[in-house]
Amino acid sequence: ARAFTTSSLSKPRSAPSARRAPLIVRAKD
C-alpha cells in the first residue's frame, strides 16, 4: 500500500552507497 503512494513516486529515492556492477552475459564469438 505504501510502495505505490503518490509521495513515494514523486520523491526520488536516495542512491545506494555502492552500485552493483551490471550482470553481462557474453555469448561465445
mmCIF file of all heavy atoms, coordinates in Angstrom:
data_MODEL
# 
_entry.id   MODEL 
# 
loop_
_atom_site.group_PDB 
_atom_site.id 
_atom_site.type_symbol 
_atom_site.label_atom_id 
_atom_site.label_alt_id 
_atom_site.label_comp_id 
_atom_site.label_asym_id 
_atom_site.label_entity_id 
_atom_site.label_seq_id 
_atom_site.pdbx_PDB_ins_code 
_atom_site.Cartn_x 
_atom_site.Cartn_y 
_atom_site.Cartn_z 
_atom_site.occupancy 
_atom_site.B_iso_or_equiv 
_atom_site.pdbx_formal_charge 
_atom_site.auth_seq_id 
_atom_site.auth_comp_id 
_atom_site.auth_asym_id 
_atom_site.auth_atom_id 
_atom_site.pdbx_PDB_model_num 
ATOM 1   N N   . ALA A 1 1  ? 0.829  -1.211  0.000   1.00 0.00 ? 1  ALA A N   1 
ATOM 2   C CA  . ALA A 1 1  ? 0.000  0.000   0.000   1.00 0.00 ? 1  ALA A CA  1 
ATOM 3   C C   . ALA A 1 1  ? 0.857  1.252   0.000   1.00 0.00 ? 1  ALA A C   1 
ATOM 4   O O   . ALA A 1 1  ? 0.515  2.265   -0.593  1.00 0.00 ? 1  ALA A O   1 
ATOM 5   C CB  . ALA A 1 1  ? -0.918 -0.001  1.221   1.00 0.00 ? 1  ALA A CB  1 
ATOM 6   N N   . ARG A 1 2  ? 2.027  1.201   0.677   1.00 0.00 ? 2  ARG A N   1 
ATOM 7   C CA  . ARG A 1 2  ? 2.892  2.372   0.741   1.00 0.00 ? 2  ARG A CA  1 
ATOM 8   C C   . ARG A 1 2  ? 3.800  2.466   -0.473  1.00 0.00 ? 2  ARG A C   1 
ATOM 9   O O   . ARG A 1 2  ? 4.291  3.527   -0.832  1.00 0.00 ? 2  ARG A O   1 
ATOM 10  C CB  . ARG A 1 2  ? 3.764  2.298   2.006   1.00 0.00 ? 2  ARG A CB  1 
ATOM 11  C CG  . ARG A 1 2  ? 2.977  2.483   3.287   1.00 0.00 ? 2  ARG A CG  1 
ATOM 12  C CD  . ARG A 1 2  ? 3.907  2.302   4.465   1.00 0.00 ? 2  ARG A CD  1 
ATOM 13  N NE  . ARG A 1 2  ? 5.089  3.178   4.314   1.00 0.00 ? 2  ARG A NE  1 
ATOM 14  C CZ  . ARG A 1 2  ? 6.195  3.008   5.021   1.00 0.00 ? 2  ARG A CZ  1 
ATOM 15  N NH1 . ARG A 1 2  ? 6.282  1.999   5.880   1.00 0.00 ? 2  ARG A NH1 1 
ATOM 16  N NH2 . ARG A 1 2  ? 7.213  3.829   4.864   1.00 0.00 ? 2  ARG A NH2 1 
ATOM 17  N N   . ALA A 1 3  ? 4.049  1.321   -1.098  1.00 0.00 ? 3  ALA A N   1 
ATOM 18  C CA  . ALA A 1 3  ? 5.014  1.313   -2.191  1.00 0.00 ? 3  ALA A CA  1 
ATOM 19  C C   . ALA A 1 3  ? 4.553  2.140   -3.367  1.00 0.00 ? 3  ALA A C   1 
ATOM 20  O O   . ALA A 1 3  ? 5.362  2.695   -4.101  1.00 0.00 ? 3  ALA A O   1 
ATOM 21  C CB  . ALA A 1 3  ? 5.271  -0.121  -2.639  1.00 0.00 ? 3  ALA A CB  1 
ATOM 22  N N   . PHE A 1 4  ? 3.255  2.266   -3.606  1.00 0.00 ? 4  PHE A N   1 
ATOM 23  C CA  . PHE A 1 4  ? 2.743  2.958   -4.772  1.00 0.00 ? 4  PHE A CA  1 
ATOM 24  C C   . PHE A 1 4  ? 1.949  4.209   -4.417  1.00 0.00 ? 4  PHE A C   1 
ATOM 25  O O   . PHE A 1 4  ? 1.076  4.634   -5.161  1.00 0.00 ? 4  PHE A O   1 
ATOM 26  C CB  . PHE A 1 4  ? 1.867  2.007   -5.613  1.00 0.00 ? 4  PHE A CB  1 
ATOM 27  C CG  . PHE A 1 4  ? 2.645  0.880   -6.209  1.00 0.00 ? 4  PHE A CG  1 
ATOM 28  C CD1 . PHE A 1 4  ? 2.672  -0.364  -5.589  1.00 0.00 ? 4  PHE A CD1 1 
ATOM 29  C CD2 . PHE A 1 4  ? 3.364  1.066   -7.374  1.00 0.00 ? 4  PHE A CD2 1 
ATOM 30  C CE1 . PHE A 1 4  ? 3.394  -1.395  -6.137  1.00 0.00 ? 4  PHE A CE1 1 
ATOM 31  C CE2 . PHE A 1 4  ? 4.083  0.032   -7.912  1.00 0.00 ? 4  PHE A CE2 1 
ATOM 32  C CZ  . PHE A 1 4  ? 4.111  -1.204  -7.305  1.00 0.00 ? 4  PHE A CZ  1 
ATOM 33  N N   . THR A 1 5  ? 2.220  4.825   -3.278  1.00 0.00 ? 5  THR A N   1 
ATOM 34  C CA  . THR A 1 5  ? 1.554  6.082   -2.933  1.00 0.00 ? 5  THR A CA  1 
ATOM 35  C C   . THR A 1 5  ? 2.164  7.201   -3.746  1.00 0.00 ? 5  THR A C   1 
ATOM 36  O O   . THR A 1 5  ? 3.274  7.112   -4.263  1.00 0.00 ? 5  THR A O   1 
ATOM 37  C CB  . THR A 1 5  ? 1.719  6.382   -1.437  1.00 0.00 ? 5  THR A CB  1 
ATOM 38  O OG1 . THR A 1 5  ? 3.111  6.482   -1.148  1.00 0.00 ? 5  THR A OG1 1 
ATOM 39  C CG2 . THR A 1 5  ? 1.077  5.313   -0.587  1.00 0.00 ? 5  THR A CG2 1 
ATOM 40  N N   . THR A 1 6  ? 1.456  8.310   -3.868  1.00 0.00 ? 6  THR A N   1 
ATOM 41  C CA  . THR A 1 6  ? 1.933  9.455   -4.640  1.00 0.00 ? 6  THR A CA  1 
ATOM 42  C C   . THR A 1 6  ? 3.236  9.987   -4.103  1.00 0.00 ? 6  THR A C   1 
ATOM 43  O O   . THR A 1 6  ? 4.144  10.342  -4.845  1.00 0.00 ? 6  THR A O   1 
ATOM 44  C CB  . THR A 1 6  ? 0.866  10.583  -4.614  1.00 0.00 ? 6  THR A CB  1 
ATOM 45  O OG1 . THR A 1 6  ? -0.370 10.059  -5.073  1.00 0.00 ? 6  THR A OG1 1 
ATOM 46  C CG2 . THR A 1 6  ? 1.314  11.754  -5.479  1.00 0.00 ? 6  THR A CG2 1 
ATOM 47  N N   . SER A 1 7  ? 3.353  10.038  -2.773  1.00 0.00 ? 7  SER A N   1 
ATOM 48  C CA  . SER A 1 7  ? 4.572  10.579  -2.183  1.00 0.00 ? 7  SER A CA  1 
ATOM 49  C C   . SER A 1 7  ? 5.780  9.711   -2.502  1.00 0.00 ? 7  SER A C   1 
ATOM 50  O O   . SER A 1 7  ? 6.860  10.202  -2.749  1.00 0.00 ? 7  SER A O   1 
ATOM 51  C CB  . SER A 1 7  ? 4.415  10.707  -0.665  1.00 0.00 ? 7  SER A CB  1 
ATOM 52  O OG  . SER A 1 7  ? 4.139  9.437   -0.096  1.00 0.00 ? 7  SER A OG  1 
ATOM 53  N N   . SER A 1 8  ? 5.580  8.413   -2.501  1.00 0.00 ? 8  SER A N   1 
ATOM 54  C CA  . SER A 1 8  ? 6.707  7.532   -2.753  1.00 0.00 ? 8  SER A CA  1 
ATOM 55  C C   . SER A 1 8  ? 7.145  7.597   -4.210  1.00 0.00 ? 8  SER A C   1 
ATOM 56  O O   . SER A 1 8  ? 8.305  7.376   -4.535  1.00 0.00 ? 8  SER A O   1 
ATOM 57  C CB  . SER A 1 8  ? 6.362  6.083   -2.391  1.00 0.00 ? 8  SER A CB  1 
ATOM 58  O OG  . SER A 1 8  ? 5.317  5.606   -3.231  1.00 0.00 ? 8  SER A OG  1 
ATOM 59  N N   . LEU A 1 9  ? 6.223  7.914   -5.140  1.00 0.00 ? 9  LEU A N   1 
ATOM 60  C CA  . LEU A 1 9  ? 6.559  8.012   -6.550  1.00 0.00 ? 9  LEU A CA  1 
ATOM 61  C C   . LEU A 1 9  ? 7.171  9.364   -6.892  1.00 0.00 ? 9  LEU A C   1 
ATOM 62  O O   . LEU A 1 9  ? 7.979  9.479   -7.801  1.00 0.00 ? 9  LEU A O   1 
ATOM 63  C CB  . LEU A 1 9  ? 5.313  7.780   -7.420  1.00 0.00 ? 9  LEU A CB  1 
ATOM 64  C CG  . LEU A 1 9  ? 4.726  6.368   -7.378  1.00 0.00 ? 9  LEU A CG  1 
ATOM 65  C CD1 . LEU A 1 9  ? 3.454  6.313   -8.190  1.00 0.00 ? 9  LEU A CD1 1 
ATOM 66  C CD2 . LEU A 1 9  ? 5.744  5.351   -7.899  1.00 0.00 ? 9  LEU A CD2 1 
ATOM 67  N N   . SER A 1 10 ? 6.771  10.382  -6.183  1.00 0.00 ? 10 SER A N   1 
ATOM 68  C CA  . SER A 1 10 ? 7.224  11.729  -6.516  1.00 0.00 ? 10 SER A CA  1 
ATOM 69  C C   . SER A 1 10 ? 8.590  12.048  -5.936  1.00 0.00 ? 10 SER A C   1 
ATOM 70  O O   . SER A 1 10 ? 9.334  12.838  -6.482  1.00 0.00 ? 10 SER A O   1 
ATOM 71  C CB  . SER A 1 10 ? 6.212  12.759  -6.011  1.00 0.00 ? 10 SER A CB  1 
ATOM 72  O OG  . SER A 1 10 ? 6.069  12.657  -4.602  1.00 0.00 ? 10 SER A OG  1 
ATOM 73  N N   . LYS A 1 11 ? 8.944  11.459  -4.828  1.00 0.00 ? 11 LYS A N   1 
ATOM 74  C CA  . LYS A 1 11 ? 10.212 11.761  -4.202  1.00 0.00 ? 11 LYS A CA  1 
ATOM 75  C C   . LYS A 1 11 ? 11.282 10.795  -4.715  1.00 0.00 ? 11 LYS A C   1 
ATOM 76  O O   . LYS A 1 11 ? 11.076 9.598   -4.730  1.00 0.00 ? 11 LYS A O   1 
ATOM 77  C CB  . LYS A 1 11 ? 10.105 11.614  -2.672  1.00 0.00 ? 11 LYS A CB  1 
ATOM 78  C CG  . LYS A 1 11 ? 9.189  12.640  -2.044  1.00 0.00 ? 11 LYS A CG  1 
ATOM 79  C CD  . LYS A 1 11 ? 9.149  12.441  -0.548  1.00 0.00 ? 11 LYS A CD  1 
ATOM 80  C CE  . LYS A 1 11 ? 8.225  13.460  0.109   1.00 0.00 ? 11 LYS A CE  1 
ATOM 81  N NZ  . LYS A 1 11 ? 8.163  13.269  1.569   1.00 0.00 ? 11 LYS A NZ  1 
ATOM 82  N N   . PRO A 1 12 ? 12.405 11.329  -5.181  1.00 0.00 ? 12 PRO A N   1 
ATOM 83  C CA  . PRO A 1 12 ? 13.466 10.432  -5.645  1.00 0.00 ? 12 PRO A CA  1 
ATOM 84  C C   . PRO A 1 12 ? 14.063 9.643   -4.502  1.00 0.00 ? 12 PRO A C   1 
ATOM 85  O O   . PRO A 1 12 ? 14.245 10.161  -3.413  1.00 0.00 ? 12 PRO A O   1 
ATOM 86  C CB  . PRO A 1 12 ? 14.499 11.408  -6.255  1.00 0.00 ? 12 PRO A CB  1 
ATOM 87  C CG  . PRO A 1 12 ? 14.262 12.692  -5.539  1.00 0.00 ? 12 PRO A CG  1 
ATOM 88  C CD  . PRO A 1 12 ? 12.778 12.744  -5.260  1.00 0.00 ? 12 PRO A CD  1 
ATOM 89  N N   . ARG A 1 13 ? 14.365 8.394   -4.806  1.00 0.00 ? 13 ARG A N   1 
ATOM 90  C CA  . ARG A 1 13 ? 14.952 7.553   -3.788  1.00 0.00 ? 13 ARG A CA  1 
ATOM 91  C C   . ARG A 1 13 ? 16.433 7.858   -3.683  1.00 0.00 ? 13 ARG A C   1 
ATOM 92  O O   . ARG A 1 13 ? 17.107 8.160   -4.658  1.00 0.00 ? 13 ARG A O   1 
ATOM 93  C CB  . ARG A 1 13 ? 14.740 6.073   -4.156  1.00 0.00 ? 13 ARG A CB  1 
ATOM 94  C CG  . ARG A 1 13 ? 13.278 5.681   -4.238  1.00 0.00 ? 13 ARG A CG  1 
ATOM 95  C CD  . ARG A 1 13 ? 13.134 4.223   -4.613  1.00 0.00 ? 13 ARG A CD  1 
ATOM 96  N NE  . ARG A 1 13 ? 13.754 3.373   -3.606  1.00 0.00 ? 13 ARG A NE  1 
ATOM 97  C CZ  . ARG A 1 13 ? 13.800 2.050   -3.727  1.00 0.00 ? 13 ARG A CZ  1 
ATOM 98  N NH1 . ARG A 1 13 ? 13.312 1.461   -4.798  1.00 0.00 ? 13 ARG A NH1 1 
ATOM 99  N NH2 . ARG A 1 13 ? 14.363 1.329   -2.785  1.00 0.00 ? 13 ARG A NH2 1 
ATOM 100 N N   . SER A 1 14 ? 16.945 7.780   -2.480  1.00 0.00 ? 14 SER A N   1 
ATOM 101 C CA  . SER A 1 14 ? 18.363 8.043   -2.284  1.00 0.00 ? 14 SER A CA  1 
ATOM 102 C C   . SER A 1 14 ? 19.186 6.954   -2.943  1.00 0.00 ? 14 SER A C   1 
ATOM 103 O O   . SER A 1 14 ? 18.816 5.789   -2.938  1.00 0.00 ? 14 SER A O   1 
ATOM 104 C CB  . SER A 1 14 ? 18.688 8.106   -0.778  1.00 0.00 ? 14 SER A CB  1 
ATOM 105 O OG  . SER A 1 14 ? 18.337 6.878   -0.164  1.00 0.00 ? 14 SER A OG  1 
ATOM 106 N N   . ALA A 1 15 ? 20.313 7.359   -3.541  1.00 0.00 ? 15 ALA A N   1 
ATOM 107 C CA  . ALA A 1 15 ? 21.169 6.404   -4.244  1.00 0.00 ? 15 ALA A CA  1 
ATOM 108 C C   . ALA A 1 15 ? 21.819 5.461   -3.257  1.00 0.00 ? 15 ALA A C   1 
ATOM 109 O O   . ALA A 1 15 ? 22.188 5.857   -2.154  1.00 0.00 ? 15 ALA A O   1 
ATOM 110 C CB  . ALA A 1 15 ? 22.251 7.159   -5.018  1.00 0.00 ? 15 ALA A CB  1 
ATOM 111 N N   . PRO A 1 16 ? 21.964 4.216   -3.604  1.00 0.00 ? 16 PRO A N   1 
ATOM 112 C CA  . PRO A 1 16 ? 22.628 3.275   -2.702  1.00 0.00 ? 16 PRO A CA  1 
ATOM 113 C C   . PRO A 1 16 ? 24.082 3.656   -2.531  1.00 0.00 ? 16 PRO A C   1 
ATOM 114 O O   . PRO A 1 16 ? 24.694 4.291   -3.385  1.00 0.00 ? 16 PRO A O   1 
ATOM 115 C CB  . PRO A 1 16 ? 22.468 1.923   -3.418  1.00 0.00 ? 16 PRO A CB  1 
ATOM 116 C CG  . PRO A 1 16 ? 22.269 2.274   -4.857  1.00 0.00 ? 16 PRO A CG  1 
ATOM 117 C CD  . PRO A 1 16 ? 21.530 3.578   -4.854  1.00 0.00 ? 16 PRO A CD  1 
ATOM 118 N N   . SER A 1 17 ? 24.646 3.257   -1.425  1.00 0.00 ? 17 SER A N   1 
ATOM 119 C CA  . SER A 1 17 ? 26.032 3.610   -1.130  1.00 0.00 ? 17 SER A CA  1 
ATOM 120 C C   . SER A 1 17 ? 27.000 2.952   -2.099  1.00 0.00 ? 17 SER A C   1 
ATOM 121 O O   . SER A 1 17 ? 28.024 3.512   -2.446  1.00 0.00 ? 17 SER A O   1 
ATOM 122 C CB  . SER A 1 17 ? 26.381 3.193   0.311   1.00 0.00 ? 17 SER A CB  1 
ATOM 123 O OG  . SER A 1 17 ? 26.145 1.796   0.464   1.00 0.00 ? 17 SER A OG  1 
ATOM 124 N N   . ALA A 1 18 ? 26.676 1.777   -2.566  1.00 0.00 ? 18 ALA A N   1 
ATOM 125 C CA  . ALA A 1 18 ? 27.556 1.087   -3.504  1.00 0.00 ? 18 ALA A CA  1 
ATOM 126 C C   . ALA A 1 18 ? 26.714 0.488   -4.628  1.00 0.00 ? 18 ALA A C   1 
ATOM 127 O O   . ALA A 1 18 ? 25.813 -0.301  -4.368  1.00 0.00 ? 18 ALA A O   1 
ATOM 128 C CB  . ALA A 1 18 ? 28.345 -0.015  -2.790  1.00 0.00 ? 18 ALA A CB  1 
ATOM 129 N N   . ARG A 1 19 ? 26.972 0.919   -5.881  1.00 0.00 ? 19 ARG A N   1 
ATOM 130 C CA  . ARG A 1 19 ? 26.200 0.422   -7.019  1.00 0.00 ? 19 ARG A CA  1 
ATOM 131 C C   . ARG A 1 19 ? 26.755 -0.927  -7.476  1.00 0.00 ? 19 ARG A C   1 
ATOM 132 O O   . ARG A 1 19 ? 27.954 -1.092  -7.651  1.00 0.00 ? 19 ARG A O   1 
ATOM 133 C CB  . ARG A 1 19 ? 26.276 1.418   -8.175  1.00 0.00 ? 19 ARG A CB  1 
ATOM 134 C CG  . ARG A 1 19 ? 25.406 1.019   -9.385  1.00 0.00 ? 19 ARG A CG  1 
ATOM 135 C CD  . ARG A 1 19 ? 25.557 2.040   -10.489 1.00 0.00 ? 19 ARG A CD  1 
ATOM 136 N NE  . ARG A 1 19 ? 25.063 3.338   -10.039 1.00 0.00 ? 19 ARG A NE  1 
ATOM 137 C CZ  . ARG A 1 19 ? 23.792 3.699   -10.096 1.00 0.00 ? 19 ARG A CZ  1 
ATOM 138 N NH1 . ARG A 1 19 ? 22.895 2.852   -10.563 1.00 0.00 ? 19 ARG A NH1 1 
ATOM 139 N NH2 . ARG A 1 19 ? 23.421 4.899   -9.691  1.00 0.00 ? 19 ARG A NH2 1 
ATOM 140 N N   . ARG A 1 20 ? 25.850 -1.842  -7.650  1.00 0.00 ? 20 ARG A N   1 
ATOM 141 C CA  . ARG A 1 20 ? 26.262 -3.168  -8.096  1.00 0.00 ? 20 ARG A CA  1 
ATOM 142 C C   . ARG A 1 20 ? 26.639 -3.137  -9.571  1.00 0.00 ? 20 ARG A C   1 
ATOM 143 O O   . ARG A 1 20 ? 26.018 -2.446  -10.379 1.00 0.00 ? 20 ARG A O   1 
ATOM 144 C CB  . ARG A 1 20 ? 25.135 -4.182  -7.884  1.00 0.00 ? 20 ARG A CB  1 
ATOM 145 C CG  . ARG A 1 20 ? 24.835 -4.468  -6.416  1.00 0.00 ? 20 ARG A CG  1 
ATOM 146 C CD  . ARG A 1 20 ? 23.781 -5.557  -6.326  1.00 0.00 ? 20 ARG A CD  1 
ATOM 147 N NE  . ARG A 1 20 ? 23.488 -5.889  -4.943  1.00 0.00 ? 20 ARG A NE  1 
ATOM 148 C CZ  . ARG A 1 20 ? 22.590 -6.813  -4.586  1.00 0.00 ? 20 ARG A CZ  1 
ATOM 149 N NH1 . ARG A 1 20 ? 21.917 -7.466  -5.516  1.00 0.00 ? 20 ARG A NH1 1 
ATOM 150 N NH2 . ARG A 1 20 ? 22.379 -7.069  -3.306  1.00 0.00 ? 20 ARG A NH2 1 
ATOM 151 N N   . ALA A 1 21 ? 27.650 -3.884  -9.931  1.00 0.00 ? 21 ALA A N   1 
ATOM 152 C CA  . ALA A 1 21 ? 28.059 -3.981  -11.331 1.00 0.00 ? 21 ALA A CA  1 
ATOM 153 C C   . ALA A 1 21 ? 27.001 -4.759  -12.102 1.00 0.00 ? 21 ALA A C   1 
ATOM 154 O O   . ALA A 1 21 ? 26.466 -5.757  -11.615 1.00 0.00 ? 21 ALA A O   1 
ATOM 155 C CB  . ALA A 1 21 ? 29.412 -4.693  -11.442 1.00 0.00 ? 21 ALA A CB  1 
ATOM 156 N N   . PRO A 1 22 ? 26.649 -4.284  -13.305 1.00 0.00 ? 22 PRO A N   1 
ATOM 157 C CA  . PRO A 1 22 ? 25.635 -4.996  -14.087 1.00 0.00 ? 22 PRO A CA  1 
ATOM 158 C C   . PRO A 1 22 ? 26.108 -6.376  -14.501 1.00 0.00 ? 22 PRO A C   1 
ATOM 159 O O   . PRO A 1 22 ? 27.303 -6.591  -14.748 1.00 0.00 ? 22 PRO A O   1 
ATOM 160 C CB  . PRO A 1 22 ? 25.445 -4.085  -15.314 1.00 0.00 ? 22 PRO A CB  1 
ATOM 161 C CG  . PRO A 1 22 ? 26.741 -3.338  -15.419 1.00 0.00 ? 22 PRO A CG  1 
ATOM 162 C CD  . PRO A 1 22 ? 27.201 -3.136  -14.003 1.00 0.00 ? 22 PRO A CD  1 
ATOM 163 N N   . LEU A 1 23 ? 25.182 -7.281  -14.568 1.00 0.00 ? 23 LEU A N   1 
ATOM 164 C CA  . LEU A 1 23 ? 25.497 -8.641  -14.970 1.00 0.00 ? 23 LEU A CA  1 
ATOM 165 C C   . LEU A 1 23 ? 25.467 -8.710  -16.497 1.00 0.00 ? 23 LEU A C   1 
ATOM 166 O O   . LEU A 1 23 ? 24.446 -8.426  -17.121 1.00 0.00 ? 23 LEU A O   1 
ATOM 167 C CB  . LEU A 1 23 ? 24.480 -9.627  -14.387 1.00 0.00 ? 23 LEU A CB  1 
ATOM 168 C CG  . LEU A 1 23 ? 24.649 -11.094 -14.799 1.00 0.00 ? 23 LEU A CG  1 
ATOM 169 C CD1 . LEU A 1 23 ? 25.990 -11.627 -14.331 1.00 0.00 ? 23 LEU A CD1 1 
ATOM 170 C CD2 . LEU A 1 23 ? 23.514 -11.936 -14.232 1.00 0.00 ? 23 LEU A CD2 1 
ATOM 171 N N   . ILE A 1 24 ? 26.592 -9.029  -17.104 1.00 0.00 ? 24 ILE A N   1 
ATOM 172 C CA  . ILE A 1 24 ? 26.696 -9.106  -18.557 1.00 0.00 ? 24 ILE A CA  1 
ATOM 173 C C   . ILE A 1 24 ? 26.992 -10.540 -18.944 1.00 0.00 ? 24 ILE A C   1 
ATOM 174 O O   . ILE A 1 24 ? 27.970 -11.130 -18.484 1.00 0.00 ? 24 ILE A O   1 
ATOM 175 C CB  . ILE A 1 24 ? 27.801 -8.186  -19.089 1.00 0.00 ? 24 ILE A CB  1 
ATOM 176 C CG1 . ILE A 1 24 ? 27.508 -6.732  -18.702 1.00 0.00 ? 24 ILE A CG1 1 
ATOM 177 C CG2 . ILE A 1 24 ? 27.942 -8.309  -20.600 1.00 0.00 ? 24 ILE A CG2 1 
ATOM 178 C CD1 . ILE A 1 24 ? 28.596 -5.776  -19.125 1.00 0.00 ? 24 ILE A CD1 1 
ATOM 179 N N   . VAL A 1 25 ? 26.144 -11.081 -19.779 1.00 0.00 ? 25 VAL A N   1 
ATOM 180 C CA  . VAL A 1 25 ? 26.337 -12.439 -20.269 1.00 0.00 ? 25 VAL A CA  1 
ATOM 181 C C   . VAL A 1 25 ? 26.779 -12.349 -21.715 1.00 0.00 ? 25 VAL A C   1 
ATOM 182 O O   . VAL A 1 25 ? 26.048 -11.851 -22.562 1.00 0.00 ? 25 VAL A O   1 
ATOM 183 C CB  . VAL A 1 25 ? 25.041 -13.266 -20.152 1.00 0.00 ? 25 VAL A CB  1 
ATOM 184 C CG1 . VAL A 1 25 ? 25.267 -14.673 -20.700 1.00 0.00 ? 25 VAL A CG1 1 
ATOM 185 C CG2 . VAL A 1 25 ? 24.567 -13.312 -18.705 1.00 0.00 ? 25 VAL A CG2 1 
ATOM 186 N N   . ARG A 1 26 ? 27.978 -12.793 -22.013 1.00 0.00 ? 26 ARG A N   1 
ATOM 187 C CA  . ARG A 1 26 ? 28.515 -12.727 -23.356 1.00 0.00 ? 26 ARG A CA  1 
ATOM 188 C C   . ARG A 1 26 ? 28.436 -14.101 -24.017 1.00 0.00 ? 26 ARG A C   1 
ATOM 189 O O   . ARG A 1 26 ? 28.906 -15.081 -23.464 1.00 0.00 ? 26 ARG A O   1 
ATOM 190 C CB  . ARG A 1 26 ? 29.972 -12.250 -23.329 1.00 0.00 ? 26 ARG A CB  1 
ATOM 191 C CG  . ARG A 1 26 ? 30.144 -10.846 -22.738 1.00 0.00 ? 26 ARG A CG  1 
ATOM 192 C CD  . ARG A 1 26 ? 31.589 -10.399 -22.873 1.00 0.00 ? 26 ARG A CD  1 
ATOM 193 N NE  . ARG A 1 26 ? 31.814 -9.103  -22.252 1.00 0.00 ? 26 ARG A NE  1 
ATOM 194 C CZ  . ARG A 1 26 ? 31.567 -7.926  -22.826 1.00 0.00 ? 26 ARG A CZ  1 
ATOM 195 N NH1 . ARG A 1 26 ? 31.064 -7.912  -24.042 1.00 0.00 ? 26 ARG A NH1 1 
ATOM 196 N NH2 . ARG A 1 26 ? 31.811 -6.795  -22.195 1.00 0.00 ? 26 ARG A NH2 1 
ATOM 197 N N   . ALA A 1 27 ? 27.846 -14.099 -25.211 1.00 0.00 ? 27 ALA A N   1 
ATOM 198 C CA  . ALA A 1 27 ? 27.799 -15.342 -25.966 1.00 0.00 ? 27 ALA A CA  1 
ATOM 199 C C   . ALA A 1 27 ? 29.162 -15.610 -26.591 1.00 0.00 ? 27 ALA A C   1 
ATOM 200 O O   . ALA A 1 27 ? 29.946 -14.700 -26.823 1.00 0.00 ? 27 ALA A O   1 
ATOM 201 C CB  . ALA A 1 27 ? 26.733 -15.247 -27.060 1.00 0.00 ? 27 ALA A CB  1 
ATOM 202 N N   . LYS A 1 28 ? 29.453 -16.845 -26.844 1.00 0.00 ? 28 LYS A N   1 
ATOM 203 C CA  . LYS A 1 28 ? 30.722 -17.221 -27.457 1.00 0.00 ? 28 LYS A CA  1 
ATOM 204 C C   . LYS A 1 28 ? 30.787 -16.669 -28.874 1.00 0.00 ? 28 LYS A C   1 
ATOM 205 O O   . LYS A 1 28 ? 29.848 -16.788 -29.649 1.00 0.00 ? 28 LYS A O   1 
ATOM 206 C CB  . LYS A 1 28 ? 30.860 -18.740 -27.474 1.00 0.00 ? 28 LYS A CB  1 
ATOM 207 C CG  . LYS A 1 28 ? 32.181 -19.211 -28.048 1.00 0.00 ? 28 LYS A CG  1 
ATOM 208 C CD  . LYS A 1 28 ? 32.259 -20.721 -28.035 1.00 0.00 ? 28 LYS A CD  1 
ATOM 209 C CE  . LYS A 1 28 ? 33.573 -21.198 -28.633 1.00 0.00 ? 28 LYS A CE  1 
ATOM 210 N NZ  . LYS A 1 28 ? 33.668 -22.672 -28.654 1.00 0.00 ? 28 LYS A NZ  1 
ATOM 211 N N   . ASP A 1 29 ? 31.907 -16.037 -29.213 1.00 0.00 ? 29 ASP A N   1 
ATOM 212 C CA  . ASP A 1 29 ? 32.103 -15.463 -30.536 1.00 0.00 ? 29 ASP A CA  1 
ATOM 213 C C   . ASP A 1 29 ? 32.391 -16.585 -31.526 1.00 0.00 ? 29 ASP A C   1 
ATOM 214 O O   . ASP A 1 29 ? 33.443 -17.221 -31.456 1.00 0.00 ? 29 ASP A O   1 
ATOM 215 C CB  . ASP A 1 29 ? 33.260 -14.464 -30.488 1.00 0.00 ? 29 ASP A CB  1 
ATOM 216 C CG  . ASP A 1 29 ? 33.406 -13.697 -31.797 1.00 0.00 ? 29 ASP A CG  1 
ATOM 217 O OD1 . ASP A 1 29 ? 32.706 -14.052 -32.768 1.00 0.00 ? 29 ASP A OD1 1 
ATOM 218 O OD2 . ASP A 1 29 ? 34.207 -12.752 -31.842 1.00 0.00 ? 29 ASP A OD2 1 
# 
